[in-house]
Amino acid sequence: MTQPHDESRDVRTDLLVTVASLYYELNQNQQEIADRLEISRSSVSRLIKEARDLGIVEIRIHRPIHRDYLLEQALLEHFKLQDAYVLRTSNDQHEGELLAAVGRLGAIYLQRAIENMPPRTCIGIAWGTGVHAAV
């Protein structure tokens, strides 16, 4: 026999799954979900957060280049930098893989820097294996 507490938990879980599905899978905005379920937009926001907190929704970011975002943030704050890119590496990477990853990350940084430069700006670049991998 199902306990009343279990039934209310099942109803709540079903609501969380419904809201999460509408938001993440069907790309409905919070107001559309609120209108559909006849609840407030702020309730929808809380339900989405609760679904994430309970593990009903998991968000994964697949990064082709593994950066150490925490160390980047620490460097930005400590040295008052405008930008920092830190490559996360492992001991089992051999030199060729590491150099290629450094080159890809350097190329990404350089592309972003060039796009944000004022017109008629000059840049100077040293030469070496890391720069060679980036260009």
C-alpha atoms as a PDB file:
ATOM      1  CA  MET A   1       0.000   0.000   0.000  1.00  0.00           C
ATOM      2  CA  THR A   2       1.327   3.419  -0.949  1.00  0.00           C
ATOM      3  CA  GLN A   3       1.794   5.878   1.880  1.00  0.00           C
ATOM      4  CA  PRO A   4       0.310   9.394   1.531  1.00  0.00           C
ATOM      5  CA  HIS A   5       3.802  10.856   1.953  1.00  0.00           C
ATOM      6  CA  ASP A   6       5.097   8.745  -0.955  1.00  0.00           C
ATOM      7  CA  GLU A   7       2.221   9.879  -3.176  1.00  0.00           C
ATOM      8  CA  SER A   8       2.868  13.561  -2.502  1.00  0.00           C
ATOM      9  CA  ARG A   9       6.579  13.028  -3.177  1.00  0.00           C
ATOM     10  CA  ASP A  10       5.719  11.275  -6.462  1.00  0.00           C
ATOM     11  CA  VAL A  11       3.434  14.155  -7.464  1.00  0.00           C
ATOM     12  CA  ARG A  12       6.182  16.673  -6.648  1.00  0.00           C
ATOM     13  CA  THR A  13       8.790  14.663  -8.567  1.00  0.00           C
ATOM     14  CA  ASP A  14       6.444  14.426 -11.556  1.00  0.00           C
ATOM     15  CA  LEU A  15       5.969  18.208 -11.477  1.00  0.00           C
ATOM     16  CA  LEU A  16       9.747  18.735 -11.342  1.00  0.00           C
ATOM     17  CA  VAL A  17      10.275  16.377 -14.282  1.00  0.00           C
ATOM     18  CA  THR A  18       7.499  18.061 -16.275  1.00  0.00           C
ATOM     19  CA  VAL A  19       8.858  21.558 -15.706  1.00  0.00           C
ATOM     20  CA  ALA A  20      12.435  20.472 -16.448  1.00  0.00           C
ATOM     21  CA  SER A  21      11.357  18.691 -19.618  1.00  0.00           C
ATOM     22  CA  LEU A  22       9.384  21.680 -20.880  1.00  0.00           C
ATOM     23  CA  TYR A  23      12.267  24.019 -20.134  1.00  0.00           C
ATOM     24  CA  TYR A  24      15.318  22.006 -21.214  1.00  0.00           C
ATOM     25  CA  GLU A  25      13.954  19.606 -23.830  1.00  0.00           C
ATOM     26  CA  LEU A  26      11.168  21.635 -25.427  1.00  0.00           C
ATOM     27  CA  ASN A  27      12.919  25.005 -24.966  1.00  0.00           C
ATOM     28  CA  GLN A  28       9.864  26.717 -23.523  1.00  0.00           C
ATOM     29  CA  ASN A  29      10.590  29.839 -21.521  1.00  0.00           C
ATOM     30  CA  GLN A  30       9.571  30.181 -17.890  1.00  0.00           C
ATOM     31  CA  GLN A  31       6.541  32.329 -18.666  1.00  0.00           C
ATOM     32  CA  GLU A  32       5.220  29.805 -21.209  1.00  0.00           C
ATOM     33  CA  ILE A  33       5.582  27.018 -18.650  1.00  0.00           C
ATOM     34  CA  ALA A  34       3.909  29.134 -15.965  1.00  0.00           C
ATOM     35  CA  ASP A  35       0.965  29.858 -18.262  1.00  0.00           C
ATOM     36  CA  ARG A  36       0.643  26.206 -19.265  1.00  0.00           C
ATOM     37  CA  LEU A  37       0.745  24.894 -15.681  1.00  0.00           C
ATOM     38  CA  GLU A  38      -1.153  27.867 -14.213  1.00  0.00           C
ATOM     39  CA  ILE A  39       1.566  28.746 -11.712  1.00  0.00           C
ATOM     40  CA  SER A  40       3.734  31.836 -11.297  1.00  0.00           C
ATOM     41  CA  ARG A  41       6.912  32.373 -13.283  1.00  0.00           C
ATOM     42  CA  SER A  42       8.878  32.567 -10.028  1.00  0.00           C
ATOM     43  CA  SER A  43       7.486  29.137  -9.065  1.00  0.00           C
ATOM     44  CA  VAL A  44       8.751  27.776 -12.378  1.00  0.00           C
ATOM     45  CA  SER A  45      12.178  29.247 -11.658  1.00  0.00           C
ATOM     46  CA  ARG A  46      12.249  27.615  -8.210  1.00  0.00           C
ATOM     47  CA  LEU A  47      11.106  24.274  -9.640  1.00  0.00           C
ATOM     48  CA  ILE A  48      13.868  24.344 -12.275  1.00  0.00           C
ATOM     49  CA  LYS A  49      16.443  25.053  -9.558  1.00  0.00           C
ATOM     50  CA  GLU A  50      15.025  22.286  -7.362  1.00  0.00           C
ATOM     51  CA  ALA A  51      15.160  19.816 -10.263  1.00  0.00           C
ATOM     52  CA  ARG A  52      18.847  20.655 -10.735  1.00  0.00           C
ATOM     53  CA  ASP A  53      19.564  20.472  -6.985  1.00  0.00           C
ATOM     54  CA  LEU A  54      17.920  17.035  -6.724  1.00  0.00           C
ATOM     55  CA  GLY A  55      19.799  15.660  -9.719  1.00  0.00           C
ATOM     56  CA  ILE A  56      16.728  15.352 -11.934  1.00  0.00           C
ATOM     57  CA  VAL A  57      18.538  17.668 -14.344  1.00  0.00           C
ATOM     58  CA  GLU A  58      22.253  17.316 -14.960  1.00  0.00           C
ATOM     59  CA  ILE A  59      24.127  19.849 -17.045  1.00  0.00           C
ATOM     60  CA  ARG A  60      27.358  18.843 -18.730  1.00  0.00           C
ATOM     61  CA  ILE A  61      29.641  21.067 -20.698  1.00  0.00           C
ATOM     62  CA  HIS A  62      31.799  19.189 -23.180  1.00  0.00           C
ATOM     63  CA  ARG A  63      34.998  21.100 -23.714  1.00  0.00           C
ATOM     64  CA  PRO A  64      37.275  20.151 -26.596  1.00  0.00           C
ATOM     65  CA  ILE A  65      40.119  21.906 -24.787  1.00  0.00           C
ATOM     66  CA  HIS A  66      40.377  21.297 -21.059  1.00  0.00           C
ATOM     67  CA  ARG A  67      40.942  24.614 -19.332  1.00  0.00           C
ATOM     68  CA  ASP A  68      41.387  25.172 -15.610  1.00  0.00           C
ATOM     69  CA  TYR A  69      38.709  27.815 -15.096  1.00  0.00           C
ATOM     70  CA  LEU A  70      39.225  28.026 -11.323  1.00  0.00           C
ATOM     71  CA  LEU A  71      42.941  28.748 -11.707  1.00  0.00           C
ATOM     72  CA  GLU A  72      42.184  31.236 -14.488  1.00  0.00           C
ATOM     73  CA  GLN A  73      39.786  33.088 -12.184  1.00  0.00           C
ATOM     74  CA  ALA A  74      42.336  33.086  -9.350  1.00  0.00           C
ATOM     75  CA  LEU A  75      45.018  34.518 -11.665  1.00  0.00           C
ATOM     76  CA  LEU A  76      42.641  37.202 -12.953  1.00  0.00           C
ATOM     77  CA  GLU A  77      41.798  38.320  -9.432  1.00  0.00           C
ATOM     78  CA  HIS A  78      45.278  38.035  -7.893  1.00  0.00           C
ATOM     79  CA  PHE A  79      47.189  39.776 -10.674  1.00  0.00           C
ATOM     80  CA  LYS A  80      44.305  42.014 -11.821  1.00  0.00           C
ATOM     81  CA  LEU A  81      44.552  40.636 -15.358  1.00  0.00           C
ATOM     82  CA  GLN A  82      42.054  41.250 -18.135  1.00  0.00           C
ATOM     83  CA  ASP A  83      42.324  37.698 -19.449  1.00  0.00           C
ATOM     84  CA  ALA A  84      43.978  34.393 -18.594  1.00  0.00           C
ATOM     85  CA  TYR A  85      43.906  30.979 -20.243  1.00  0.00           C
ATOM     86  CA  VAL A  86      45.240  27.961 -18.345  1.00  0.00           C
ATOM     87  CA  LEU A  87      45.433  24.552 -19.987  1.00  0.00           C
ATOM     88  CA  ARG A  88      44.640  21.587 -17.745  1.00  0.00           C
ATOM     89  CA  THR A  89      47.012  18.722 -18.486  1.00  0.00           C
ATOM     90  CA  SER A  90      47.658  15.226 -17.232  1.00  0.00           C
ATOM     91  CA  ASN A  91      50.868  13.318 -16.626  1.00  0.00           C
ATOM     92  CA  ASP A  92      50.015  10.737 -19.291  1.00  0.00           C
ATOM     93  CA  GLN A  93      49.993  13.268 -22.163  1.00  0.00           C
ATOM     94  CA  HIS A  94      53.047  13.069 -24.335  1.00  0.00           C
ATOM     95  CA  GLU A  95      54.807  16.143 -25.600  1.00  0.00           C
ATOM     96  CA  GLY A  96      53.160  16.167 -29.034  1.00  0.00           C
ATOM     97  CA  GLU A  97      49.639  16.101 -27.567  1.00  0.00           C
ATOM     98  CA  LEU A  98      50.516  18.765 -25.038  1.00  0.00           C
ATOM     99  CA  LEU A  99      52.070  21.029 -27.654  1.00  0.00           C
ATOM    100  CA  ALA A 100      49.036  20.620 -29.931  1.00  0.00           C
ATOM    101  CA  ALA A 101      46.681  21.508 -27.043  1.00  0.00           C
ATOM    102  CA  VAL A 102      48.788  24.562 -26.140  1.00  0.00           C
ATOM    103  CA  GLY A 103      48.710  25.586 -29.793  1.00  0.00           C
ATOM    104  CA  ARG A 104      44.909  25.228 -30.050  1.00  0.00           C
ATOM    105  CA  LEU A 105      44.379  27.231 -26.871  1.00  0.00           C
ATOM    106  CA  GLY A 106      46.865  29.870 -28.021  1.00  0.00           C
ATOM    107  CA  ALA A 107      45.104  30.136 -31.378  1.00  0.00           C
ATOM    108  CA  ILE A 108      41.741  30.590 -29.650  1.00  0.00           C
ATOM    109  CA  TYR A 109      43.159  33.305 -27.426  1.00  0.00           C
ATOM    110  CA  LEU A 110      44.861  35.065 -30.324  1.00  0.00           C
ATOM    111  CA  GLN A 111      41.677  34.987 -32.431  1.00  0.00           C
ATOM    112  CA  ARG A 112      39.638  36.494 -29.583  1.00  0.00           C
ATOM    113  CA  ALA A 113      42.307  39.124 -28.923  1.00  0.00           C
ATOM    114  CA  ILE A 114      42.440  40.140 -32.586  1.00  0.00           C
ATOM    115  CA  GLU A 115      38.644  40.390 -32.830  1.00  0.00           C
ATOM    116  CA  ASN A 116      38.549  42.747 -29.829  1.00  0.00           C
ATOM    117  CA  MET A 117      41.446  44.999 -30.847  1.00  0.00           C
ATOM    118  CA  PRO A 118      40.849  48.569 -31.929  1.00  0.00           C
ATOM    119  CA  PRO A 119      41.595  49.299 -35.590  1.00  0.00           C
ATOM    120  CA  ARG A 120      45.218  49.868 -36.563  1.00  0.00           C
ATOM    121  CA  THR A 121      46.578  47.992 -33.552  1.00  0.00           C
ATOM    122  CA  CYS A 122      49.898  46.202 -33.918  1.00  0.00           C
ATOM    123  CA  ILE A 123      50.863  43.067 -32.055  1.00  0.00           C
ATOM    124  CA  GLY A 124      54.228  41.416 -31.685  1.00  0.00           C
ATOM    125  CA  ILE A 125      54.703  37.683 -31.314  1.00  0.00           C
ATOM    126  CA  ALA A 126      57.847  35.784 -30.434  1.00  0.00           C
ATOM    127  CA  TRP A 127      58.594  32.567 -32.271  1.00  0.00           C
ATOM    128  CA  GLY A 128      58.940  29.076 -30.879  1.00  0.00           C
ATOM    129  CA  THR A 129      57.349  25.655 -30.898  1.00  0.00           C
ATOM    130  CA  GLY A 130      54.302  26.884 -28.939  1.00  0.00           C
ATOM    131  CA  VAL A 131      53.634  29.710 -31.381  1.00  0.00           C
ATOM    132  CA  HIS A 132      54.282  27.365 -34.303  1.00  0.00           C
ATOM    133  CA  ALA A 133      51.585  25.036 -32.938  1.00  0.00           C
ATOM    134  CA  ALA A 134      49.154  27.957 -32.680  1.00  0.00           C
ATOM    135  CA  VAL A 135      49.497  29.190 -36.266  1.00  0.00           C
END
